[in-house]
């Protein structure tokens, strides 16, 4: 668990269920009501275990939680690697994190032109996931795709 992240009863129950079904260790659980999805952040090296062969574990979790969308992101200690994981499977060229004069931290992500749509996602859902998790885990205020 990252310091400063607080989980409610619902998130704790979801993590417990997720871990018992998948065998993966979840570091965080985010209920994203705007996109009607649940995002689990798993320990490095646990992404394959979380998804399962042919996605069987994620399907089971989805059925138990009665949710359409379950996203799984692999945690990384470095913010650049973590943002790369949040935007997967888009191919990331570079990530530059800068602090503006007003104190806001911004991550500028450069992606291949052909992967821009994948990085942004339908209605911006992938970049929204990256922004949400970057803020929650690394206090990065914005993620900009270019």
C-alpha atoms as a PDB file:
ATOM      1  CA  UNK A   1       0.000   0.000   0.000  1.00  0.00           C
ATOM      2  CA  UNK A   2       1.317   3.429  -0.886  1.00  0.00           C
ATOM      3  CA  UNK A   3       1.585   5.866   2.028  1.00  0.00           C
ATOM      4  CA  UNK A   4      -1.266   8.332   2.338  1.00  0.00           C
ATOM      5  CA  UNK A   5      -3.788   6.193   0.466  1.00  0.00           C
ATOM      6  CA  UNK A   6      -6.922   5.518   2.438  1.00  0.00           C
ATOM      7  CA  UNK A   7      -9.277   2.681   1.595  1.00  0.00           C
ATOM      8  CA  UNK A   8     -12.910   2.455   2.632  1.00  0.00           C
ATOM      9  CA  UNK A   9     -14.765  -0.687   3.673  1.00  0.00           C
ATOM     10  CA  UNK A  10     -15.951  -1.336   0.109  1.00  0.00           C
ATOM     11  CA  UNK A  11     -12.449  -1.102  -1.358  1.00  0.00           C
ATOM     12  CA  UNK A  12     -11.063  -3.402   1.342  1.00  0.00           C
ATOM     13  CA  UNK A  13     -13.784  -5.994   0.611  1.00  0.00           C
ATOM     14  CA  UNK A  14     -13.085  -5.748  -3.134  1.00  0.00           C
ATOM     15  CA  UNK A  15      -9.328  -6.218  -2.575  1.00  0.00           C
ATOM     16  CA  UNK A  16      -9.982  -9.251  -0.387  1.00  0.00           C
ATOM     17  CA  UNK A  17     -12.230 -10.807  -3.039  1.00  0.00           C
ATOM     18  CA  UNK A  18      -9.787  -9.939  -5.848  1.00  0.00           C
ATOM     19  CA  UNK A  19      -6.853 -11.504  -3.982  1.00  0.00           C
ATOM     20  CA  UNK A  20      -8.772 -14.661  -3.081  1.00  0.00           C
ATOM     21  CA  UNK A  21      -9.910 -15.205  -6.699  1.00  0.00           C
ATOM     22  CA  UNK A  22      -6.675 -14.290  -8.488  1.00  0.00           C
ATOM     23  CA  UNK A  23      -3.916 -15.058  -5.991  1.00  0.00           C
ATOM     24  CA  UNK A  24      -2.346 -11.701  -6.899  1.00  0.00           C
ATOM     25  CA  UNK A  25      -1.463  -9.103  -4.260  1.00  0.00           C
ATOM     26  CA  UNK A  26      -3.399  -5.849  -4.728  1.00  0.00           C
ATOM     27  CA  UNK A  27      -1.803  -2.623  -3.469  1.00  0.00           C
ATOM     28  CA  UNK A  28      -4.804  -0.412  -4.208  1.00  0.00           C
ATOM     29  CA  UNK A  29      -8.404  -0.441  -5.368  1.00  0.00           C
ATOM     30  CA  UNK A  30     -10.120   2.571  -6.934  1.00  0.00           C
ATOM     31  CA  UNK A  31     -13.843   2.793  -7.599  1.00  0.00           C
ATOM     32  CA  UNK A  32     -14.125   4.944 -10.720  1.00  0.00           C
ATOM     33  CA  UNK A  33     -17.818   5.803 -10.823  1.00  0.00           C
ATOM     34  CA  UNK A  34     -17.494   8.152 -13.813  1.00  0.00           C
ATOM     35  CA  UNK A  35     -16.302   5.280 -16.010  1.00  0.00           C
ATOM     36  CA  UNK A  36     -18.240   2.595 -14.095  1.00  0.00           C
ATOM     37  CA  UNK A  37     -15.136   0.527 -13.457  1.00  0.00           C
ATOM     38  CA  UNK A  38     -12.970  -0.767 -10.660  1.00  0.00           C
ATOM     39  CA  UNK A  39      -9.211  -0.343 -10.961  1.00  0.00           C
ATOM     40  CA  UNK A  40      -6.889  -2.677  -9.060  1.00  0.00           C
ATOM     41  CA  UNK A  41      -3.202  -1.821  -8.700  1.00  0.00           C
ATOM     42  CA  UNK A  42      -1.208  -5.016  -8.209  1.00  0.00           C
ATOM     43  CA  UNK A  43       2.255  -5.713  -6.846  1.00  0.00           C
ATOM     44  CA  UNK A  44       5.048  -5.750  -9.481  1.00  0.00           C
ATOM     45  CA  UNK A  45       5.199  -9.135 -11.175  1.00  0.00           C
ATOM     46  CA  UNK A  46       1.587 -10.030 -10.311  1.00  0.00           C
ATOM     47  CA  UNK A  47      -0.154  -8.780 -13.471  1.00  0.00           C
ATOM     48  CA  UNK A  48      -0.161 -12.195 -15.182  1.00  0.00           C
ATOM     49  CA  UNK A  49      -1.489 -13.870 -12.062  1.00  0.00           C
ATOM     50  CA  UNK A  50      -4.183 -11.203 -11.720  1.00  0.00           C
ATOM     51  CA  UNK A  51      -5.405 -11.583 -15.297  1.00  0.00           C
ATOM     52  CA  UNK A  52      -5.082 -15.366 -15.439  1.00  0.00           C
ATOM     53  CA  UNK A  53      -4.846 -17.664 -18.431  1.00  0.00           C
ATOM     54  CA  UNK A  54      -6.990 -16.225 -21.242  1.00  0.00           C
ATOM     55  CA  UNK A  55      -8.342 -13.640 -18.769  1.00  0.00           C
ATOM     56  CA  UNK A  56     -10.183 -16.197 -16.620  1.00  0.00           C
ATOM     57  CA  UNK A  57      -9.404 -14.506 -13.284  1.00  0.00           C
ATOM     58  CA  UNK A  58     -10.601 -11.090 -14.431  1.00  0.00           C
ATOM     59  CA  UNK A  59     -13.815 -12.632 -15.777  1.00  0.00           C
ATOM     60  CA  UNK A  60     -14.431 -14.297 -12.402  1.00  0.00           C
ATOM     61  CA  UNK A  61     -13.824 -11.035 -10.525  1.00  0.00           C
ATOM     62  CA  UNK A  62     -16.149  -9.210 -12.941  1.00  0.00           C
ATOM     63  CA  UNK A  63     -18.901 -11.785 -12.338  1.00  0.00           C
ATOM     64  CA  UNK A  64     -18.546 -11.639  -8.533  1.00  0.00           C
ATOM     65  CA  UNK A  65     -18.528  -7.840  -8.431  1.00  0.00           C
ATOM     66  CA  UNK A  66     -21.198  -7.496 -11.116  1.00  0.00           C
ATOM     67  CA  UNK A  67     -19.203  -4.782 -12.901  1.00  0.00           C
ATOM     68  CA  UNK A  68     -18.672  -4.358 -16.625  1.00  0.00           C
ATOM     69  CA  UNK A  69     -15.111  -3.106 -16.406  1.00  0.00           C
ATOM     70  CA  UNK A  70     -12.267  -4.275 -14.204  1.00  0.00           C
ATOM     71  CA  UNK A  71      -8.882  -2.673 -14.925  1.00  0.00           C
ATOM     72  CA  UNK A  72      -5.627  -4.055 -13.549  1.00  0.00           C
ATOM     73  CA  UNK A  73      -2.444  -1.968 -13.470  1.00  0.00           C
ATOM     74  CA  UNK A  74       0.969  -3.154 -12.326  1.00  0.00           C
ATOM     75  CA  UNK A  75       2.570  -0.912  -9.706  1.00  0.00           C
ATOM     76  CA  UNK A  76       6.086   0.494 -10.216  1.00  0.00           C
ATOM     77  CA  UNK A  77       8.266   2.454  -7.779  1.00  0.00           C
ATOM     78  CA  UNK A  78       9.233   5.056 -10.387  1.00  0.00           C
ATOM     79  CA  UNK A  79       6.422   7.349 -11.586  1.00  0.00           C
ATOM     80  CA  UNK A  80       7.516   7.106 -15.238  1.00  0.00           C
ATOM     81  CA  UNK A  81       7.280   3.308 -15.192  1.00  0.00           C
ATOM     82  CA  UNK A  82       3.952   3.439 -13.354  1.00  0.00           C
ATOM     83  CA  UNK A  83       2.445   5.859 -15.893  1.00  0.00           C
ATOM     84  CA  UNK A  84       3.722   3.588 -18.680  1.00  0.00           C
ATOM     85  CA  UNK A  85       1.876   0.695 -17.008  1.00  0.00           C
ATOM     86  CA  UNK A  86      -1.339   2.718 -16.680  1.00  0.00           C
ATOM     87  CA  UNK A  87      -1.306   3.454 -20.421  1.00  0.00           C
ATOM     88  CA  UNK A  88      -0.508  -0.110 -21.506  1.00  0.00           C
ATOM     89  CA  UNK A  89      -0.626  -1.488 -24.206  1.00  0.00           C
ATOM     90  CA  UNK A  90       0.288   1.832 -25.890  1.00  0.00           C
ATOM     91  CA  UNK A  91       3.983   2.121 -26.770  1.00  0.00           C
ATOM     92  CA  UNK A  92       5.440   5.043 -24.830  1.00  0.00           C
ATOM     93  CA  UNK A  93       8.443   6.894 -26.298  1.00  0.00           C
ATOM     94  CA  UNK A  94       9.235   9.251 -23.401  1.00  0.00           C
ATOM     95  CA  UNK A  95       7.765  10.538 -20.160  1.00  0.00           C
ATOM     96  CA  UNK A  96       8.972  13.823 -18.709  1.00  0.00           C
ATOM     97  CA  UNK A  97       7.773  14.929 -15.292  1.00  0.00           C
ATOM     98  CA  UNK A  98       8.138  18.625 -14.549  1.00  0.00           C
ATOM     99  CA  UNK A  99       7.069  20.903 -11.751  1.00  0.00           C
ATOM    100  CA  UNK A 100       5.483  24.178 -12.798  1.00  0.00           C
ATOM    101  CA  UNK A 101       5.998  27.483 -11.043  1.00  0.00           C
ATOM    102  CA  UNK A 102       2.638  27.109  -9.308  1.00  0.00           C
ATOM    103  CA  UNK A 103       3.876  23.823  -7.789  1.00  0.00           C
ATOM    104  CA  UNK A 104       1.777  21.512  -9.986  1.00  0.00           C
ATOM    105  CA  UNK A 105       3.533  18.372 -11.237  1.00  0.00           C
ATOM    106  CA  UNK A 106       2.825  17.500 -14.870  1.00  0.00           C
ATOM    107  CA  UNK A 107       3.742  14.320 -16.758  1.00  0.00           C
ATOM    108  CA  UNK A 108       4.212  14.871 -20.497  1.00  0.00           C
ATOM    109  CA  UNK A 109       3.890  11.531 -22.289  1.00  0.00           C
ATOM    110  CA  UNK A 110       5.102  11.132 -25.872  1.00  0.00           C
ATOM    111  CA  UNK A 111       3.602   8.187 -27.740  1.00  0.00           C
ATOM    112  CA  UNK A 112       3.936   6.841 -31.256  1.00  0.00           C
ATOM    113  CA  UNK A 113       1.370   8.426 -33.584  1.00  0.00           C
ATOM    114  CA  UNK A 114      -0.266   5.052 -34.253  1.00  0.00           C
ATOM    115  CA  UNK A 115      -0.643   4.403 -30.501  1.00  0.00           C
ATOM    116  CA  UNK A 116      -2.088   7.813 -29.602  1.00  0.00           C
ATOM    117  CA  UNK A 117      -5.669   6.524 -29.748  1.00  0.00           C
ATOM    118  CA  UNK A 118      -4.780   3.549 -27.546  1.00  0.00           C
ATOM    119  CA  UNK A 119      -3.103   5.809 -24.967  1.00  0.00           C
ATOM    120  CA  UNK A 120      -6.077   8.174 -24.823  1.00  0.00           C
ATOM    121  CA  UNK A 121      -8.722   5.443 -25.008  1.00  0.00           C
ATOM    122  CA  UNK A 122     -12.404   5.619 -25.889  1.00  0.00           C
ATOM    123  CA  UNK A 123     -13.782   8.910 -24.563  1.00  0.00           C
ATOM    124  CA  UNK A 124     -10.418   9.494 -22.840  1.00  0.00           C
ATOM    125  CA  UNK A 125     -10.846   6.636 -20.362  1.00  0.00           C
ATOM    126  CA  UNK A 126      -7.208   5.429 -20.489  1.00  0.00           C
ATOM    127  CA  UNK A 127      -5.662   8.859 -19.971  1.00  0.00           C
ATOM    128  CA  UNK A 128      -8.238   9.467 -17.198  1.00  0.00           C
ATOM    129  CA  UNK A 129      -7.050   6.255 -15.495  1.00  0.00           C
ATOM    130  CA  UNK A 130      -3.426   7.420 -15.821  1.00  0.00           C
ATOM    131  CA  UNK A 131      -4.282  10.840 -14.324  1.00  0.00           C
ATOM    132  CA  UNK A 132      -6.274   9.338 -11.460  1.00  0.00           C
ATOM    133  CA  UNK A 133      -3.594   6.823 -10.475  1.00  0.00           C
ATOM    134  CA  UNK A 134      -0.637   9.211 -11.009  1.00  0.00           C
ATOM    135  CA  UNK A 135      -2.296  11.720  -8.672  1.00  0.00           C
ATOM    136  CA  UNK A 136      -3.160   9.057  -6.102  1.00  0.00           C
ATOM    137  CA  UNK A 137       0.260   7.363  -5.994  1.00  0.00           C
ATOM    138  CA  UNK A 138       2.779  10.064  -6.968  1.00  0.00           C
ATOM    139  CA  UNK A 139       0.957  13.388  -6.485  1.00  0.00           C
ATOM    140  CA  UNK A 140       1.241  14.183 -10.210  1.00  0.00           C
ATOM    141  CA  UNK A 141      -1.506  16.668 -11.066  1.00  0.00           C
ATOM    142  CA  UNK A 142      -1.881  16.027 -14.786  1.00  0.00           C
ATOM    143  CA  UNK A 143      -0.879  13.581 -17.507  1.00  0.00           C
ATOM    144  CA  UNK A 144      -0.691  15.054 -21.006  1.00  0.00           C
ATOM    145  CA  UNK A 145      -0.434  12.844 -24.103  1.00  0.00           C
ATOM    146  CA  UNK A 146       1.462  14.252 -27.089  1.00  0.00           C
END
